[in-house]
Amino acid sequence: MAKYEIEPYKDPEEGRSYEREEAYLRAKKKLDKLVGFYWHLAVYLVVNTVLIIIIGVNRDDGVFWDFGTFATALFWGIGLAFHFLGVFGPDFFFGKNWEDRKIKEYMNQDRKDMTKFE
């Protein structure tokens, strides 16, 4: 049996060995998390819509706006919110560009205020 020698992956343009593969794997992992969240959201919407319709149709007392009607949607929604935070994290609210955007916003507002009185 002949010896097989596997050469490491090298990008001819960059000269680095595994950095592109690692970047691809990180991106793939993020994408898998994102797809998982969107599937969770879709199932949440479908199941809770069906449950609310079924409960609303079958209520004998006619009280639709009751806590029991929306309890599943509420508590599952809390779990969905935690899933959202797990996928998007605090970067959703205060991302890397958040400070830059706020600084530009304040500078534009100051510029408008300065030119308003001229």
N, C-alpha and C. Protein backbone atom coordinates (compact mmCIF):
# COMPACT_ATOMS: atom_id res chain seq x y z
N MET A 1 0.84 -1.17 0.00
CA MET A 1 0.00 0.00 0.00
C MET A 1 0.89 1.24 0.00
N ALA A 2 0.62 2.09 -0.90
CA ALA A 2 1.45 3.28 -1.06
C ALA A 2 1.10 4.30 0.01
N LYS A 3 2.10 5.05 0.38
CA LYS A 3 1.86 6.10 1.36
C LYS A 3 1.18 7.28 0.66
N TYR A 4 0.18 7.78 1.33
CA TYR A 4 -0.52 8.94 0.79
C TYR A 4 -0.08 10.16 1.58
N GLU A 5 0.34 11.13 0.88
CA GLU A 5 0.78 12.35 1.53
C GLU A 5 -0.21 13.45 1.17
N ILE A 6 -0.86 13.98 2.18
CA ILE A 6 -1.83 15.03 1.96
C ILE A 6 -1.15 16.36 2.22
N GLU A 7 -1.17 17.20 1.23
CA GLU A 7 -0.57 18.52 1.38
C GLU A 7 -1.61 19.46 1.97
N PRO A 8 -1.16 20.35 2.82
CA PRO A 8 -2.12 21.31 3.40
C PRO A 8 -2.65 22.25 2.33
N TYR A 9 -3.88 22.69 2.56
CA TYR A 9 -4.51 23.63 1.63
C TYR A 9 -3.77 24.95 1.69
N LYS A 10 -3.40 25.45 0.54
CA LYS A 10 -2.77 26.76 0.47
C LYS A 10 -3.45 27.57 -0.60
N ASP A 11 -3.82 28.77 -0.24
CA ASP A 11 -4.41 29.68 -1.20
C ASP A 11 -3.28 30.35 -1.95
N PRO A 12 -3.23 30.20 -3.27
CA PRO A 12 -2.11 30.77 -4.01
C PRO A 12 -2.05 32.28 -3.94
N GLU A 13 -3.20 32.92 -3.76
CA GLU A 13 -3.19 34.38 -3.73
C GLU A 13 -2.77 34.92 -2.36
N GLU A 14 -3.19 34.25 -1.32
CA GLU A 14 -2.92 34.78 0.01
C GLU A 14 -1.72 34.14 0.68
N GLY A 15 -1.40 32.93 0.34
CA GLY A 15 -0.26 32.27 0.94
C GLY A 15 -0.53 31.73 2.33
N ARG A 16 -1.76 31.87 2.84
CA ARG A 16 -2.10 31.35 4.16
C ARG A 16 -2.74 29.98 3.99
N SER A 17 -2.56 29.13 4.96
CA SER A 17 -3.01 27.75 4.77
C SER A 17 -4.49 27.54 5.08
N TYR A 18 -4.90 27.64 6.33
CA TYR A 18 -6.25 27.23 6.68
C TYR A 18 -7.17 28.38 7.08
N GLU A 19 -6.71 29.59 6.93
CA GLU A 19 -7.51 30.72 7.41
C GLU A 19 -8.82 30.87 6.66
N ARG A 20 -8.79 30.63 5.36
CA ARG A 20 -10.04 30.73 4.59
C ARG A 20 -11.00 29.63 4.98
N GLU A 21 -10.49 28.44 5.22
CA GLU A 21 -11.37 27.35 5.63
C GLU A 21 -11.98 27.63 7.00
N GLU A 22 -11.18 28.17 7.91
CA GLU A 22 -11.70 28.51 9.23
C GLU A 22 -12.75 29.60 9.13
N ALA A 23 -12.52 30.59 8.29
CA ALA A 23 -13.50 31.66 8.10
C ALA A 23 -14.78 31.09 7.51
N TYR A 24 -14.64 30.16 6.58
CA TYR A 24 -15.82 29.52 5.98
C TYR A 24 -16.59 28.74 7.04
N LEU A 25 -15.89 28.01 7.88
CA LEU A 25 -16.57 27.22 8.91
C LEU A 25 -17.28 28.12 9.93
N ARG A 26 -16.66 29.26 10.28
CA ARG A 26 -17.31 30.20 11.19
C ARG A 26 -18.56 30.79 10.55
N ALA A 27 -18.45 31.15 9.27
CA ALA A 27 -19.61 31.70 8.56
C ALA A 27 -20.71 30.67 8.43
N LYS A 28 -20.34 29.42 8.16
CA LYS A 28 -21.32 28.34 8.03
C LYS A 28 -22.03 28.11 9.37
N LYS A 29 -21.29 28.18 10.46
CA LYS A 29 -21.88 27.99 11.79
C LYS A 29 -22.88 29.11 12.09
N LYS A 30 -22.51 30.36 11.75
CA LYS A 30 -23.42 31.48 11.96
C LYS A 30 -24.67 31.33 11.11
N LEU A 31 -24.48 30.89 9.87
CA LEU A 31 -25.62 30.69 8.97
C LEU A 31 -26.54 29.60 9.49
N ASP A 32 -25.97 28.52 10.01
CA ASP A 32 -26.79 27.44 10.57
C ASP A 32 -27.61 27.94 11.76
N LYS A 33 -27.01 28.77 12.60
CA LYS A 33 -27.75 29.34 13.73
C LYS A 33 -28.89 30.24 13.24
N LEU A 34 -28.60 31.03 12.21
CA LEU A 34 -29.61 31.93 11.67
C LEU A 34 -30.77 31.16 11.05
N VAL A 35 -30.45 30.12 10.28
CA VAL A 35 -31.49 29.28 9.67
C VAL A 35 -32.31 28.59 10.76
N GLY A 36 -31.66 28.12 11.80
CA GLY A 36 -32.37 27.49 12.91
C GLY A 36 -33.33 28.46 13.59
N PHE A 37 -32.90 29.70 13.75
CA PHE A 37 -33.79 30.69 14.36
C PHE A 37 -34.99 30.97 13.47
N TYR A 38 -34.77 31.11 12.16
CA TYR A 38 -35.89 31.39 11.26
C TYR A 38 -36.88 30.23 11.20
N TRP A 39 -36.37 28.99 11.27
CA TRP A 39 -37.28 27.84 11.34
C TRP A 39 -38.07 27.86 12.64
N HIS A 40 -37.40 28.19 13.73
CA HIS A 40 -38.08 28.27 15.03
C HIS A 40 -39.18 29.33 14.97
N LEU A 41 -38.88 30.47 14.37
CA LEU A 41 -39.86 31.55 14.24
C LEU A 41 -41.05 31.11 13.38
N ALA A 42 -40.78 30.43 12.27
CA ALA A 42 -41.85 29.97 11.39
C ALA A 42 -42.75 28.96 12.10
N VAL A 43 -42.16 28.01 12.79
CA VAL A 43 -42.95 27.01 13.52
C VAL A 43 -43.75 27.70 14.63
N TYR A 44 -43.14 28.64 15.31
CA TYR A 44 -43.84 29.40 16.36
C TYR A 44 -45.08 30.08 15.80
N LEU A 45 -44.93 30.77 14.67
CA LEU A 45 -46.06 31.49 14.09
C LEU A 45 -47.17 30.54 13.65
N VAL A 46 -46.81 29.47 12.97
CA VAL A 46 -47.82 28.53 12.46
C VAL A 46 -48.54 27.84 13.61
N VAL A 47 -47.79 27.27 14.53
CA VAL A 47 -48.40 26.50 15.63
C VAL A 47 -49.26 27.40 16.50
N ASN A 48 -48.77 28.58 16.86
CA ASN A 48 -49.55 29.43 17.75
C ASN A 48 -50.77 30.02 17.05
N THR A 49 -50.67 30.29 15.76
CA THR A 49 -51.85 30.75 15.03
C THR A 49 -52.92 29.67 15.03
N VAL A 50 -52.53 28.44 14.74
CA VAL A 50 -53.49 27.33 14.74
C VAL A 50 -54.07 27.12 16.14
N LEU A 51 -53.23 27.15 17.16
CA LEU A 51 -53.72 26.97 18.53
C LEU A 51 -54.72 28.05 18.93
N ILE A 52 -54.40 29.29 18.62
CA ILE A 52 -55.29 30.39 18.99
C ILE A 52 -56.62 30.27 18.25
N ILE A 53 -56.58 29.89 16.98
CA ILE A 53 -57.82 29.70 16.23
C ILE A 53 -58.64 28.56 16.82
N ILE A 54 -58.00 27.44 17.11
CA ILE A 54 -58.72 26.29 17.68
C ILE A 54 -59.31 26.63 19.04
N ILE A 55 -58.54 27.27 19.89
CA ILE A 55 -59.04 27.65 21.21
C ILE A 55 -60.18 28.66 21.07
N GLY A 56 -60.02 29.62 20.16
CA GLY A 56 -61.07 30.62 19.97
C GLY A 56 -62.37 30.03 19.47
N VAL A 57 -62.29 29.05 18.58
CA VAL A 57 -63.50 28.43 18.03
C VAL A 57 -64.17 27.54 19.06
N ASN A 58 -63.40 26.85 19.87
CA ASN A 58 -63.94 25.86 20.81
C ASN A 58 -64.25 26.41 22.19
N ARG A 59 -64.10 27.70 22.42
CA ARG A 59 -64.40 28.26 23.74
C ARG A 59 -65.91 28.24 23.96
N ASP A 60 -66.33 27.63 25.05
CA ASP A 60 -67.76 27.57 25.37
C ASP A 60 -68.26 28.86 26.00
N ASP A 61 -67.40 29.49 26.79
CA ASP A 61 -67.84 30.69 27.48
C ASP A 61 -67.77 31.94 26.62
N GLY A 62 -67.18 31.85 25.44
CA GLY A 62 -67.13 32.97 24.52
C GLY A 62 -66.10 34.03 24.87
N VAL A 63 -65.28 33.79 25.86
CA VAL A 63 -64.26 34.76 26.25
C VAL A 63 -62.98 34.44 25.49
N PHE A 64 -62.74 35.20 24.44
CA PHE A 64 -61.54 34.96 23.62
C PHE A 64 -60.32 35.62 24.23
N TRP A 65 -60.48 36.83 24.76
CA TRP A 65 -59.34 37.58 25.29
C TRP A 65 -59.06 37.17 26.72
N ASP A 66 -58.66 35.92 26.88
CA ASP A 66 -58.34 35.36 28.18
C ASP A 66 -56.86 34.98 28.18
N PHE A 67 -56.27 34.94 29.38
CA PHE A 67 -54.84 34.58 29.46
C PHE A 67 -54.58 33.19 28.90
N GLY A 68 -55.47 32.26 29.16
CA GLY A 68 -55.28 30.89 28.70
C GLY A 68 -55.21 30.76 27.19
N THR A 69 -55.87 31.67 26.49
CA THR A 69 -55.85 31.63 25.03
C THR A 69 -54.45 31.91 24.50
N PHE A 70 -53.75 32.81 25.13
CA PHE A 70 -52.46 33.27 24.62
C PHE A 70 -51.28 32.81 25.47
N ALA A 71 -51.50 31.94 26.44
CA ALA A 71 -50.42 31.53 27.35
C ALA A 71 -49.30 30.81 26.61
N THR A 72 -49.66 29.89 25.72
CA THR A 72 -48.63 29.16 24.98
C THR A 72 -47.80 30.10 24.12
N ALA A 73 -48.48 31.02 23.44
CA ALA A 73 -47.75 31.98 22.59
C ALA A 73 -46.85 32.87 23.44
N LEU A 74 -47.33 33.25 24.61
CA LEU A 74 -46.53 34.13 25.48
C LEU A 74 -45.26 33.44 25.96
N PHE A 75 -45.41 32.25 26.53
CA PHE A 75 -44.23 31.59 27.10
C PHE A 75 -43.29 31.07 26.02
N TRP A 76 -43.84 30.59 24.92
CA TRP A 76 -42.99 30.17 23.81
C TRP A 76 -42.29 31.40 23.22
N GLY A 77 -42.99 32.53 23.20
CA GLY A 77 -42.39 33.77 22.72
C GLY A 77 -41.20 34.21 23.56
N ILE A 78 -41.29 33.97 24.86
CA ILE A 78 -40.15 34.28 25.74
C ILE A 78 -38.96 33.40 25.36
N GLY A 79 -39.22 32.13 25.13
CA GLY A 79 -38.15 31.23 24.69
C GLY A 79 -37.59 31.64 23.34
N LEU A 80 -38.46 32.10 22.45
CA LEU A 80 -38.02 32.57 21.13
C LEU A 80 -37.17 33.82 21.26
N ALA A 81 -37.51 34.68 22.21
CA ALA A 81 -36.70 35.88 22.45
C ALA A 81 -35.30 35.51 22.92
N PHE A 82 -35.20 34.51 23.77
CA PHE A 82 -33.87 34.06 24.20
C PHE A 82 -33.10 33.43 23.04
N HIS A 83 -33.80 32.71 22.17
CA HIS A 83 -33.15 32.15 20.98
C HIS A 83 -32.64 33.28 20.10
N PHE A 84 -33.44 34.34 19.94
CA PHE A 84 -33.04 35.51 19.16
C PHE A 84 -31.76 36.12 19.74
N LEU A 85 -31.73 36.29 21.06
CA LEU A 85 -30.53 36.86 21.68
C LEU A 85 -29.33 35.94 21.54
N GLY A 86 -29.57 34.63 21.55
CA GLY A 86 -28.48 33.69 21.37
C GLY A 86 -27.89 33.74 19.97
N VAL A 87 -28.75 34.02 18.98
CA VAL A 87 -28.28 34.07 17.59
C VAL A 87 -27.66 35.42 17.27
N PHE A 88 -28.38 36.49 17.58
CA PHE A 88 -27.92 37.82 17.20
C PHE A 88 -27.09 38.48 18.28
N GLY A 89 -27.33 38.12 19.51
CA GLY A 89 -26.54 38.63 20.63
C GLY A 89 -26.73 40.12 20.84
N PRO A 90 -25.92 40.67 21.71
CA PRO A 90 -26.02 42.10 21.98
C PRO A 90 -25.58 42.96 20.80
N ASP A 91 -24.92 42.35 19.82
CA ASP A 91 -24.51 43.12 18.65
C ASP A 91 -25.70 43.62 17.85
N PHE A 92 -26.86 43.01 18.05
CA PHE A 92 -28.04 43.47 17.32
C PHE A 92 -28.39 44.90 17.72
N PHE A 93 -28.28 45.20 19.01
CA PHE A 93 -28.61 46.53 19.48
C PHE A 93 -27.40 47.46 19.47
N PHE A 94 -26.27 46.97 19.91
CA PHE A 94 -25.06 47.79 19.99
C PHE A 94 -23.95 47.11 19.21
N GLY A 95 -24.09 47.10 17.92
CA GLY A 95 -23.12 46.43 17.06
C GLY A 95 -21.82 47.21 16.95
N LYS A 96 -20.93 46.70 16.15
CA LYS A 96 -19.61 47.33 15.99
C LYS A 96 -19.72 48.72 15.39
N ASN A 97 -20.68 48.92 14.52
CA ASN A 97 -20.81 50.22 13.85
C ASN A 97 -21.77 51.15 14.58
N TRP A 98 -22.30 50.73 15.71
CA TRP A 98 -23.30 51.52 16.41
C TRP A 98 -22.74 52.87 16.85
N GLU A 99 -21.54 52.87 17.43
CA GLU A 99 -20.94 54.12 17.88
C GLU A 99 -20.68 55.06 16.71
N ASP A 100 -20.16 54.52 15.61
CA ASP A 100 -19.90 55.36 14.44
C ASP A 100 -21.19 55.97 13.90
N ARG A 101 -22.25 55.16 13.84
CA ARG A 101 -23.53 55.68 13.34
C ARG A 101 -24.07 56.76 14.25
N LYS A 102 -23.95 56.57 15.57
CA LYS A 102 -24.45 57.56 16.51
C LYS A 102 -23.65 58.86 16.42
N ILE A 103 -22.34 58.75 16.28
CA ILE A 103 -21.50 59.95 16.16
C ILE A 103 -21.89 60.72 14.90
N LYS A 104 -22.04 60.01 13.78
CA LYS A 104 -22.45 60.68 12.54
C LYS A 104 -23.83 61.30 12.68
N GLU A 105 -24.73 60.61 13.36
CA GLU A 105 -26.08 61.14 13.56
C GLU A 105 -26.03 62.43 14.37
N TYR A 106 -25.26 62.44 15.45
CA TYR A 106 -25.15 63.65 16.27
C TYR A 106 -24.45 64.78 15.53
N MET A 107 -23.45 64.46 14.73
CA MET A 107 -22.77 65.49 13.95
C MET A 107 -23.72 66.09 12.91
N ASN A 108 -24.51 65.25 12.26
CA ASN A 108 -25.48 65.76 11.29
C ASN A 108 -26.54 66.62 11.98
N GLN A 109 -26.96 66.21 13.17
CA GLN A 109 -27.94 66.99 13.91
C GLN A 109 -27.36 68.34 14.30
N ASP A 110 -26.10 68.36 14.76
CA ASP A 110 -25.45 69.63 15.10
C ASP A 110 -25.32 70.52 13.87
N ARG A 111 -24.98 69.93 12.74
CA ARG A 111 -24.84 70.70 11.50
C ARG A 111 -26.18 71.32 11.12
N LYS A 112 -27.26 70.57 11.26
CA LYS A 112 -28.59 71.10 10.95
C LYS A 112 -28.96 72.21 11.91
N ASP A 113 -28.63 72.03 13.19
CA ASP A 113 -28.94 73.06 14.18
C ASP A 113 -28.14 74.33 13.92
N MET A 114 -26.90 74.20 13.50
CA MET A 114 -26.05 75.37 13.24
C MET A 114 -26.54 76.13 12.01
N THR A 115 -26.96 75.40 10.99
CA THR A 115 -27.40 76.07 9.76
C THR A 115 -28.84 76.55 9.86
N LYS A 116 -29.56 76.13 10.86
CA LYS A 116 -30.96 76.52 11.00
C LYS A 116 -31.08 78.02 11.30
N PHE A 117 -30.12 78.58 12.01
CA PHE A 117 -30.20 79.97 12.42
C PHE A 117 -29.46 80.91 11.47
N GLU A 118 -28.87 80.40 10.43
CA GLU A 118 -28.12 81.27 9.51
C GLU A 118 -29.04 81.86 8.48
